[in-house]
Amino acid sequence: MTPEQMKERLSQNYPNCKIEVYDLTGTQDHYEVFVESDKFAGLSRIQQHQHVMSCFGPELKTGEVHALSIKTKIP
């Protein structure tokens, strides 16, 4: 999965939000993502991260995305 594909997936789930995706190793399987969304209002940090992780469930299960570091923010 490319950084562009990850950003597109996140954009579908969090439209009109600030999203950044970084490939940490250049191997397209270790990523850091930043999502700033009002959808996180009222959610704990763990719930926010689970929400983002659910966008990549299949890729995390198969190992296509091996590592995913998540940073979230409420505007």
PDB file of N, CA and C in Angstrom:
ATOM      1  N   MET A   1       0.854  -1.167   0.000  1.00  0.00           N
ATOM      2  CA  MET A   1       0.000   0.000   0.000  1.00  0.00           C
ATOM      3  C   MET A   1       0.903   1.234   0.000  1.00  0.00           C
ATOM      4  N   THR A   2       0.654   2.146  -0.912  1.00  0.00           N
ATOM      5  CA  THR A   2       1.470   3.344  -1.009  1.00  0.00           C
ATOM      6  C   THR A   2       0.961   4.425  -0.048  1.00  0.00           C
ATOM      7  N   PRO A   3       1.805   5.407   0.242  1.00  0.00           N
ATOM      8  CA  PRO A   3       1.335   6.518   1.086  1.00  0.00           C
ATOM      9  C   PRO A   3       0.113   7.224   0.482  1.00  0.00           C
ATOM     10  N   GLU A   4       0.086   7.332  -0.834  1.00  0.00           N
ATOM     11  CA  GLU A   4      -1.051   7.971  -1.497  1.00  0.00           C
ATOM     12  C   GLU A   4      -2.331   7.167  -1.307  1.00  0.00           C
ATOM     13  N   GLN A   5      -2.232   5.847  -1.377  1.00  0.00           N
ATOM     14  CA  GLN A   5      -3.398   4.989  -1.165  1.00  0.00           C
ATOM     15  C   GLN A   5      -3.888   5.096   0.284  1.00  0.00           C
ATOM     16  N   MET A   6      -2.947   5.177   1.209  1.00  0.00           N
ATOM     17  CA  MET A   6      -3.334   5.312   2.612  1.00  0.00           C
ATOM     18  C   MET A   6      -4.034   6.646   2.835  1.00  0.00           C
ATOM     19  N   LYS A   7      -3.488   7.704   2.258  1.00  0.00           N
ATOM     20  CA  LYS A   7      -4.100   9.024   2.426  1.00  0.00           C
ATOM     21  C   LYS A   7      -5.494   9.056   1.809  1.00  0.00           C
ATOM     22  N   GLU A   8      -5.664   8.412   0.659  1.00  0.00           N
ATOM     23  CA  GLU A   8      -6.977   8.348   0.007  1.00  0.00           C
ATOM     24  C   GLU A   8      -7.979   7.598   0.886  1.00  0.00           C
ATOM     25  N   ARG A   9      -7.554   6.485   1.449  1.00  0.00           N
ATOM     26  CA  ARG A   9      -8.430   5.703   2.329  1.00  0.00           C
ATOM     27  C   ARG A   9      -8.853   6.533   3.538  1.00  0.00           C
ATOM     28  N   LEU A  10      -7.892   7.223   4.135  1.00  0.00           N
ATOM     29  CA  LEU A  10      -8.208   8.064   5.283  1.00  0.00           C
ATOM     30  C   LEU A  10      -9.133   9.220   4.885  1.00  0.00           C
ATOM     31  N   SER A  11      -8.903   9.791   3.714  1.00  0.00           N
ATOM     32  CA  SER A  11      -9.746  10.896   3.224  1.00  0.00           C
ATOM     33  C   SER A  11     -11.187  10.455   3.020  1.00  0.00           C
ATOM     34  N   GLN A  12     -11.383   9.210   2.631  1.00  0.00           N
ATOM     35  CA  GLN A  12     -12.737   8.686   2.461  1.00  0.00           C
ATOM     36  C   GLN A  12     -13.449   8.580   3.810  1.00  0.00           C
ATOM     37  N   ASN A  13     -12.698   8.216   4.845  1.00  0.00           N
ATOM     38  CA  ASN A  13     -13.276   8.050   6.179  1.00  0.00           C
ATOM     39  C   ASN A  13     -13.324   9.351   6.973  1.00  0.00           C
ATOM     40  N   TYR A  14     -12.445  10.274   6.634  1.00  0.00           N
ATOM     41  CA  TYR A  14     -12.366  11.559   7.334  1.00  0.00           C
ATOM     42  C   TYR A  14     -12.319  12.690   6.307  1.00  0.00           C
ATOM     43  N   PRO A  15     -13.444  12.936   5.612  1.00  0.00           N
ATOM     44  CA  PRO A  15     -13.438  13.983   4.579  1.00  0.00           C
ATOM     45  C   PRO A  15     -13.228  15.368   5.188  1.00  0.00           C
ATOM     46  N   ASN A  16     -12.562  16.216   4.418  1.00  0.00           N
ATOM     47  CA  ASN A  16     -12.320  17.606   4.819  1.00  0.00           C
ATOM     48  C   ASN A  16     -11.554  17.728   6.131  1.00  0.00           C
ATOM     49  N   CYS A  17     -10.642  16.797   6.362  1.00  0.00           N
ATOM     50  CA  CYS A  17      -9.834  16.819   7.574  1.00  0.00           C
ATOM     51  C   CYS A  17      -8.358  16.913   7.196  1.00  0.00           C
ATOM     52  N   LYS A  18      -7.544  17.296   8.161  1.00  0.00           N
ATOM     53  CA  LYS A  18      -6.105  17.333   7.939  1.00  0.00           C
ATOM     54  C   LYS A  18      -5.549  15.921   8.103  1.00  0.00           C
ATOM     55  N   ILE A  19      -4.878  15.448   7.060  1.00  0.00           N
ATOM     56  CA  ILE A  19      -4.332  14.086   7.063  1.00  0.00           C
ATOM     57  C   ILE A  19      -2.903  14.129   6.534  1.00  0.00           C
ATOM     58  N   GLU A  20      -2.014  13.470   7.232  1.00  0.00           N
ATOM     59  CA  GLU A  20      -0.629  13.334   6.787  1.00  0.00           C
ATOM     60  C   GLU A  20      -0.233  11.868   6.921  1.00  0.00           C
ATOM     61  N   VAL A  21       0.517  11.378   5.933  1.00  0.00           N
ATOM     62  CA  VAL A  21       0.976   9.985   5.936  1.00  0.00           C
ATOM     63  C   VAL A  21       2.474   9.982   5.649  1.00  0.00           C
ATOM     64  N   TYR A  22       3.221   9.272   6.480  1.00  0.00           N
ATOM     65  CA  TYR A  22       4.670   9.172   6.311  1.00  0.00           C
ATOM     66  C   TYR A  22       5.073   7.703   6.209  1.00  0.00           C
ATOM     67  N   ASP A  23       5.848   7.383   5.185  1.00  0.00           N
ATOM     68  CA  ASP A  23       6.442   6.050   5.054  1.00  0.00           C
ATOM     69  C   ASP A  23       7.746   6.091   5.851  1.00  0.00           C
ATOM     70  N   LEU A  24       7.789   5.405   6.974  1.00  0.00           N
ATOM     71  CA  LEU A  24       8.912   5.523   7.899  1.00  0.00           C
ATOM     72  C   LEU A  24      10.181   4.830   7.433  1.00  0.00           C
ATOM     73  N   THR A  25      10.051   3.807   6.594  1.00  0.00           N
ATOM     74  CA  THR A  25      11.238   3.027   6.216  1.00  0.00           C
ATOM     75  C   THR A  25      11.493   2.987   4.717  1.00  0.00           C
ATOM     76  N   GLY A  26      10.561   3.482   3.918  1.00  0.00           N
ATOM     77  CA  GLY A  26      10.707   3.406   2.464  1.00  0.00           C
ATOM     78  C   GLY A  26      10.295   2.063   1.893  1.00  0.00           C
ATOM     79  N   THR A  27       9.758   1.175   2.739  1.00  0.00           N
ATOM     80  CA  THR A  27       9.375  -0.163   2.290  1.00  0.00           C
ATOM     81  C   THR A  27       7.868  -0.309   2.102  1.00  0.00           C
ATOM     82  N   GLN A  28       7.136   0.778   2.318  1.00  0.00           N
ATOM     83  CA  GLN A  28       5.678   0.806   2.145  1.00  0.00           C
ATOM     84  C   GLN A  28       4.950  -0.218   3.023  1.00  0.00           C
ATOM     85  N   ASP A  29       5.488  -0.437   4.232  1.00  0.00           N
ATOM     86  CA  ASP A  29       4.760  -1.277   5.197  1.00  0.00           C
ATOM     87  C   ASP A  29       4.892  -0.782   6.637  1.00  0.00           C
ATOM     88  N   HIS A  30       5.666   0.283   6.853  1.00  0.00           N
ATOM     89  CA  HIS A  30       5.811   0.918   8.165  1.00  0.00           C
ATOM     90  C   HIS A  30       5.404   2.381   8.015  1.00  0.00           C
ATOM     91  N   TYR A  31       4.290   2.752   8.630  1.00  0.00           N
ATOM     92  CA  TYR A  31       3.738   4.087   8.427  1.00  0.00           C
ATOM     93  C   TYR A  31       3.465   4.822   9.722  1.00  0.00           C
ATOM     94  N   GLU A  32       3.486   6.131   9.604  1.00  0.00           N
ATOM     95  CA  GLU A  32       2.963   7.005  10.638  1.00  0.00           C
ATOM     96  C   GLU A  32       1.882   7.848   9.985  1.00  0.00           C
ATOM     97  N   VAL A  33       0.715   7.928  10.620  1.00  0.00           N
ATOM     98  CA  VAL A  33      -0.372   8.746  10.086  1.00  0.00           C
ATOM     99  C   VAL A  33      -0.804   9.759  11.142  1.00  0.00           C
ATOM    100  N   PHE A  34      -1.192  10.926  10.658  1.00  0.00           N
ATOM    101  CA  PHE A  34      -1.731  11.977  11.512  1.00  0.00           C
ATOM    102  C   PHE A  34      -3.099  12.347  10.958  1.00  0.00           C
ATOM    103  N   VAL A  35      -4.108  12.322  11.801  1.00  0.00           N
ATOM    104  CA  VAL A  35      -5.466  12.669  11.398  1.00  0.00           C
ATOM    105  C   VAL A  35      -6.024  13.673  12.402  1.00  0.00           C
ATOM    106  N   GLU A  36      -6.450  14.814  11.899  1.00  0.00           N
ATOM    107  CA  GLU A  36      -7.115  15.823  12.728  1.00  0.00           C
ATOM    108  C   GLU A  36      -8.562  15.888  12.273  1.00  0.00           C
ATOM    109  N   SER A  37      -9.480  15.445  13.135  1.00  0.00           N
ATOM    110  CA  SER A  37     -10.881  15.329  12.754  1.00  0.00           C
ATOM    111  C   SER A  37     -11.805  15.592  13.931  1.00  0.00           C
ATOM    112  N   ASP A  38     -12.916  16.261  13.650  1.00  0.00           N
ATOM    113  CA  ASP A  38     -13.922  16.461  14.700  1.00  0.00           C
ATOM    114  C   ASP A  38     -14.693  15.182  14.986  1.00  0.00           C
ATOM    115  N   LYS A  39     -14.506  14.137  14.165  1.00  0.00           N
ATOM    116  CA  LYS A  39     -15.125  12.831  14.435  1.00  0.00           C
ATOM    117  C   LYS A  39     -14.588  12.217  15.723  1.00  0.00           C
ATOM    118  N   PHE A  40     -13.453  12.715  16.200  1.00  0.00           N
ATOM    119  CA  PHE A  40     -12.839  12.173  17.406  1.00  0.00           C
ATOM    120  C   PHE A  40     -13.398  12.795  18.683  1.00  0.00           C
ATOM    121  N   ALA A  41     -14.241  13.809  18.548  1.00  0.00           N
ATOM    122  CA  ALA A  41     -14.791  14.475  19.728  1.00  0.00           C
ATOM    123  C   ALA A  41     -15.544  13.463  20.594  1.00  0.00           C
ATOM    124  N   GLY A  42     -15.258  13.469  21.875  1.00  0.00           N
ATOM    125  CA  GLY A  42     -15.927  12.573  22.809  1.00  0.00           C
ATOM    126  C   GLY A  42     -15.309  11.182  22.892  1.00  0.00           C
ATOM    127  N   LEU A  43     -14.293  10.901  22.084  1.00  0.00           N
ATOM    128  CA  LEU A  43     -13.637   9.592  22.110  1.00  0.00           C
ATOM    129  C   LEU A  43     -12.328   9.681  22.887  1.00  0.00           C
ATOM    130  N   SER A  44     -11.993   8.602  23.585  1.00  0.00           N
ATOM    131  CA  SER A  44     -10.691   8.543  24.244  1.00  0.00           C
ATOM    132  C   SER A  44      -9.606   8.411  23.172  1.00  0.00           C
ATOM    133  N   ARG A  45      -8.372   8.635  23.565  1.00  0.00           N
ATOM    134  CA  ARG A  45      -7.249   8.513  22.619  1.00  0.00           C
ATOM    135  C   ARG A  45      -7.206   7.094  22.040  1.00  0.00           C
ATOM    136  N   ILE A  46      -7.433   6.103  22.877  1.00  0.00           N
ATOM    137  CA  ILE A  46      -7.435   4.709  22.400  1.00  0.00           C
ATOM    138  C   ILE A  46      -8.552   4.498  21.380  1.00  0.00           C
ATOM    139  N   GLN A  47      -9.733   5.013  21.655  1.00  0.00           N
ATOM    140  CA  GLN A  47     -10.849   4.883  20.706  1.00  0.00           C
ATOM    141  C   GLN A  47     -10.548   5.599  19.397  1.00  0.00           C
ATOM    142  N   GLN A  48      -9.901   6.750  19.466  1.00  0.00           N
ATOM    143  CA  GLN A  48      -9.519   7.478  18.254  1.00  0.00           C
ATOM    144  C   GLN A  48      -8.576   6.629  17.405  1.00  0.00           C
ATOM    145  N   HIS A  49      -7.586   6.029  18.054  1.00  0.00           N
ATOM    146  CA  HIS A  49      -6.612   5.217  17.335  1.00  0.00           C
ATOM    147  C   HIS A  49      -7.260   3.949  16.769  1.00  0.00           C
ATOM    148  N   GLN A  50      -8.172   3.353  17.520  1.00  0.00           N
ATOM    149  CA  GLN A  50      -8.883   2.175  17.014  1.00  0.00           C
ATOM    150  C   GLN A  50      -9.710   2.543  15.782  1.00  0.00           C
ATOM    151  N   HIS A  51     -10.289   3.714  15.805  1.00  0.00           N
ATOM    152  CA  HIS A  51     -11.088   4.201  14.682  1.00  0.00           C
ATOM    153  C   HIS A  51     -10.220   4.288  13.426  1.00  0.00           C
ATOM    154  N   VAL A  52      -9.016   4.844  13.578  1.00  0.00           N
ATOM    155  CA  VAL A  52      -8.093   4.963  12.437  1.00  0.00           C
ATOM    156  C   VAL A  52      -7.604   3.586  11.999  1.00  0.00           C
ATOM    157  N   MET A  53      -7.259   2.732  12.954  1.00  0.00           N
ATOM    158  CA  MET A  53      -6.772   1.386  12.610  1.00  0.00           C
ATOM    159  C   MET A  53      -7.815   0.590  11.827  1.00  0.00           C
ATOM    160  N   SER A  54      -9.089   0.804  12.133  1.00  0.00           N
ATOM    161  CA  SER A  54     -10.143   0.054  11.442  1.00  0.00           C
ATOM    162  C   SER A  54     -10.174   0.364   9.945  1.00  0.00           C
ATOM    163  N   CYS A  55      -9.617   1.494   9.551  1.00  0.00           N
ATOM    164  CA  CYS A  55      -9.546   1.831   8.116  1.00  0.00           C
ATOM    165  C   CYS A  55      -8.613   0.886   7.360  1.00  0.00           C
ATOM    166  N   PHE A  56      -7.696   0.271   8.084  1.00  0.00           N
ATOM    167  CA  PHE A  56      -6.682  -0.583   7.458  1.00  0.00           C
ATOM    168  C   PHE A  56      -6.716  -2.015   7.981  1.00  0.00           C
ATOM    169  N   GLY A  57      -7.871  -2.462   8.450  1.00  0.00           N
ATOM    170  CA  GLY A  57      -8.009  -3.799   9.008  1.00  0.00           C
ATOM    171  C   GLY A  57      -7.463  -4.911   8.134  1.00  0.00           C
ATOM    172  N   PRO A  58      -7.909  -5.001   6.866  1.00  0.00           N
ATOM    173  CA  PRO A  58      -7.413  -6.088   6.017  1.00  0.00           C
ATOM    174  C   PRO A  58      -5.902  -6.039   5.809  1.00  0.00           C
ATOM    175  N   GLU A  59      -5.361  -4.843   5.611  1.00  0.00           N
ATOM    176  CA  GLU A  59      -3.926  -4.712   5.361  1.00  0.00           C
ATOM    177  C   GLU A  59      -3.101  -5.028   6.606  1.00  0.00           C
ATOM    178  N   LEU A  60      -3.625  -4.712   7.771  1.00  0.00           N
ATOM    179  CA  LEU A  60      -2.931  -5.051   9.010  1.00  0.00           C
ATOM    180  C   LEU A  60      -2.967  -6.558   9.264  1.00  0.00           C
ATOM    181  N   LYS A  61      -4.079  -7.201   8.914  1.00  0.00           N
ATOM    182  CA  LYS A  61      -4.195  -8.651   9.114  1.00  0.00           C
ATOM    183  C   LYS A  61      -3.250  -9.428   8.204  1.00  0.00           C
ATOM    184  N   THR A  62      -3.115  -8.978   6.953  1.00  0.00           N
ATOM    185  CA  THR A  62      -2.264  -9.701   6.005  1.00  0.00           C
ATOM    186  C   THR A  62      -0.794  -9.341   6.139  1.00  0.00           C
ATOM    187  N   GLY A  63      -0.495  -8.243   6.847  1.00  0.00           N
ATOM    188  CA  GLY A  63       0.886  -7.806   6.966  1.00  0.00           C
ATOM    189  C   GLY A  63       1.306  -6.841   5.879  1.00  0.00           C
ATOM    190  N   GLU A  64       0.403  -6.514   4.953  1.00  0.00           N
ATOM    191  CA  GLU A  64       0.732  -5.526   3.920  1.00  0.00           C
ATOM    192  C   GLU A  64       1.133  -4.209   4.595  1.00  0.00           C
ATOM    193  N   VAL A  65       0.428  -3.867   5.666  1.00  0.00           N
ATOM    194  CA  VAL A  65       0.841  -2.780   6.552  1.00  0.00           C
ATOM    195  C   VAL A  65       1.311  -3.454   7.832  1.00  0.00           C
ATOM    196  N   HIS A  66       2.621  -3.434   8.042  1.00  0.00           N
ATOM    197  CA  HIS A  66       3.213  -4.166   9.161  1.00  0.00           C
ATOM    198  C   HIS A  66       3.173  -3.353  10.455  1.00  0.00           C
ATOM    199  N   ALA A  67       3.460  -2.064  10.342  1.00  0.00           N
ATOM    200  CA  ALA A  67       3.496  -1.202  11.517  1.00  0.00           C
ATOM    201  C   ALA A  67       2.768   0.102  11.201  1.00  0.00           C
ATOM    202  N   LEU A  68       1.952   0.552  12.148  1.00  0.00           N
ATOM    203  CA  LEU A  68       1.168   1.765  11.944  1.00  0.00           C
ATOM    204  C   LEU A  68       1.201   2.593  13.224  1.00  0.00           C
ATOM    205  N   SER A  69       1.916   3.694  13.161  1.00  0.00           N
ATOM    206  CA  SER A  69       1.953   4.644  14.269  1.00  0.00           C
ATOM    207  C   SER A  69       0.879   5.698  13.990  1.00  0.00           C
ATOM    208  N   ILE A  70       0.075   5.998  14.995  1.00  0.00           N
ATOM    209  CA  ILE A  70      -1.079   6.876  14.787  1.00  0.00           C
ATOM    210  C   ILE A  70      -1.005   8.070  15.730  1.00  0.00           C
ATOM    211  N   LYS A  71      -1.247   9.241  15.153  1.00  0.00           N
ATOM    212  CA  LYS A  71      -1.381  10.461  15.942  1.00  0.00           C
ATOM    213  C   LYS A  71      -2.716  11.083  15.541  1.00  0.00           C
ATOM    214  N   THR A  72      -3.529  11.417  16.539  1.00  0.00           N
ATOM    215  CA  THR A  72      -4.841  12.013  16.261  1.00  0.00           C
ATOM    216  C   THR A  72      -4.976  13.315  17.029  1.00  0.00           C
ATOM    217  N   LYS A  73      -5.859  14.171  16.504  1.00  0.00           N
ATOM    218  CA  LYS A  73      -6.088  15.463  17.134  1.00  0.00           C
ATOM    219  C   LYS A  73      -7.524  15.892  16.837  1.00  0.00           C
ATOM    220  N   ILE A  74      -8.128  16.552  17.815  1.00  0.00           N
ATOM    221  CA  ILE A  74      -9.446  17.141  17.617  1.00  0.00           C
ATOM    222  C   ILE A  74      -9.217  18.625  17.346  1.00  0.00           C
ATOM    223  N   PRO A  75      -9.775  19.160  16.231  1.00  0.00           N
ATOM    224  CA  PRO A  75      -9.541  20.578  15.917  1.00  0.00           C
ATOM    225  C   PRO A  75     -10.102  21.519  16.971  1.00  0.00           C
TER     226      PRO A  75
END
